[in-house]
């Protein structure tokens, strides 16, 4: 997705890639090292609510990873989120699992986390 956005070569928006794998450093200044274990350890130029949309692809489907990824998303987004991930085990009570199970209790949990 990052590459497709960059192919647009537009000047009216910017794209960053937050990634743990340092091989993505080939993207230069648009690469930002990201470790979900430290969800708010971000560069100073990434201000709260500074992204019109956050596209997230968490590396793991564990509850811990999804919770911490949600914390980063909440910090960065102005409100729009696109979550790209696999099917989440229904036993995981993560707020982001609503994108796949769509149960009301999980939707409520996500809204609560993202609006706190």
Protein backbone atom coordinates (compact mmCIF):
# COMPACT_ATOMS: atom_id res chain seq x y z
CA UNK A 1 0.00 0.00 0.00
CA UNK A 2 2.85 2.36 0.84
CA UNK A 3 4.39 1.85 -2.59
CA UNK A 4 1.06 2.48 -4.35
CA UNK A 5 0.60 5.74 -2.47
CA UNK A 6 4.12 6.82 -3.32
CA UNK A 7 3.50 6.07 -7.00
CA UNK A 8 0.92 8.85 -6.94
CA UNK A 9 3.82 11.30 -6.57
CA UNK A 10 1.53 13.97 -5.16
CA UNK A 11 2.67 16.95 -3.14
CA UNK A 12 -0.60 17.51 -1.27
CA UNK A 13 -0.09 14.61 1.14
CA UNK A 14 2.76 12.82 2.85
CA UNK A 15 3.19 9.16 3.66
CA UNK A 16 5.25 7.57 6.42
CA UNK A 17 5.95 3.94 7.10
CA UNK A 18 6.30 2.91 10.74
CA UNK A 19 8.02 -0.45 10.76
CA UNK A 20 10.17 -2.63 13.00
CA UNK A 21 12.07 -4.22 10.11
CA UNK A 22 14.95 -1.91 9.34
CA UNK A 23 15.11 -3.15 5.74
CA UNK A 24 12.38 -0.57 5.11
CA UNK A 25 14.96 2.14 5.80
CA UNK A 26 15.50 2.15 2.03
CA UNK A 27 12.52 4.55 2.00
CA UNK A 28 14.68 7.19 3.63
CA UNK A 29 13.12 9.87 5.81
CA UNK A 30 9.67 8.38 5.38
CA UNK A 31 10.77 5.27 7.30
CA UNK A 32 10.27 5.49 11.05
CA UNK A 33 11.43 2.66 13.27
CA UNK A 34 8.45 1.39 15.26
CA UNK A 35 8.28 -1.20 18.03
CA UNK A 36 4.75 -1.97 19.21
CA UNK A 37 6.17 -2.75 22.66
CA UNK A 38 6.74 1.00 22.99
CA UNK A 39 3.60 2.36 21.30
CA UNK A 40 4.27 6.05 21.96
CA UNK A 41 8.02 6.05 21.41
CA UNK A 42 7.67 8.11 18.26
CA UNK A 43 9.69 10.96 16.76
CA UNK A 44 8.78 14.45 17.88
CA UNK A 45 7.55 15.37 14.39
CA UNK A 46 4.72 12.82 14.70
CA UNK A 47 2.29 14.97 16.61
CA UNK A 48 -0.94 13.74 18.22
CA UNK A 49 -3.81 13.48 15.74
CA UNK A 50 -1.59 14.53 12.86
CA UNK A 51 -2.72 11.90 10.34
CA UNK A 52 -5.96 12.09 8.39
CA UNK A 53 -5.91 8.30 8.11
CA UNK A 54 -3.81 5.61 9.76
CA UNK A 55 -3.41 2.33 7.90
CA UNK A 56 -2.26 -0.35 10.32
CA UNK A 57 -1.09 -3.91 9.77
CA UNK A 58 -0.16 -5.25 13.21
CA UNK A 59 2.65 -7.82 13.14
CA UNK A 60 0.87 -10.24 15.49
CA UNK A 61 -2.71 -11.03 16.37
CA UNK A 62 -2.12 -11.31 20.10
CA UNK A 63 -4.21 -9.22 22.44
CA UNK A 64 -1.09 -7.40 23.68
CA UNK A 65 0.05 -6.43 20.19
CA UNK A 66 -3.42 -5.25 19.16
CA UNK A 67 -3.86 -3.21 22.35
CA UNK A 68 -0.51 -1.47 21.89
CA UNK A 69 -1.10 -0.91 18.19
CA UNK A 70 -4.47 0.62 19.10
CA UNK A 71 -2.65 3.00 21.45
CA UNK A 72 -0.42 4.20 18.60
CA UNK A 73 -3.39 4.52 16.25
CA UNK A 74 -5.34 6.54 18.79
CA UNK A 75 -2.39 8.89 19.22
CA UNK A 76 -1.78 9.46 15.50
CA UNK A 77 -5.20 9.49 13.84
CA UNK A 78 -7.68 12.29 13.41
CA UNK A 79 -10.28 9.54 13.30
CA UNK A 80 -9.97 7.41 10.17
CA UNK A 81 -8.43 3.95 10.48
CA UNK A 82 -7.87 1.12 8.03
CA UNK A 83 -6.83 -2.09 9.76
CA UNK A 84 -5.25 -4.75 7.57
CA UNK A 85 -4.78 -8.09 9.29
CA UNK A 86 -5.83 -11.72 9.34
CA UNK A 87 -8.70 -13.36 11.13
CA UNK A 88 -8.44 -12.94 14.88
CA UNK A 89 -9.08 -15.80 17.26
CA UNK A 90 -12.48 -15.14 18.85
CA UNK A 91 -11.08 -15.95 22.28
CA UNK A 92 -8.97 -12.80 22.10
CA UNK A 93 -11.00 -9.95 23.55
CA UNK A 94 -9.09 -7.27 21.71
CA UNK A 95 -10.85 -4.05 20.77
CA UNK A 96 -9.52 -4.29 17.22
CA UNK A 97 -11.06 -7.72 16.64
CA UNK A 98 -14.37 -6.01 15.86
CA UNK A 99 -13.18 -5.44 12.31
CA UNK A 100 -13.67 -9.16 11.80
CA UNK A 101 -16.25 -10.35 14.30
CA UNK A 102 -18.36 -7.16 14.39
CA UNK A 103 -19.83 -8.02 17.79
CA UNK A 104 -21.35 -5.06 19.65
CA UNK A 105 -19.30 -5.58 22.80
CA UNK A 106 -16.06 -5.44 20.83
CA UNK A 107 -17.18 -2.39 18.87
CA UNK A 108 -17.98 -0.67 22.16
CA UNK A 109 -14.56 -1.66 23.55
CA UNK A 110 -12.77 -0.18 20.53
CA UNK A 111 -14.72 3.05 20.69
CA UNK A 112 -13.93 3.33 24.39
CA UNK A 113 -10.18 2.92 23.84
CA UNK A 114 -10.02 5.25 20.84
CA UNK A 115 -12.11 7.99 22.45
CA UNK A 116 -10.45 8.06 25.88
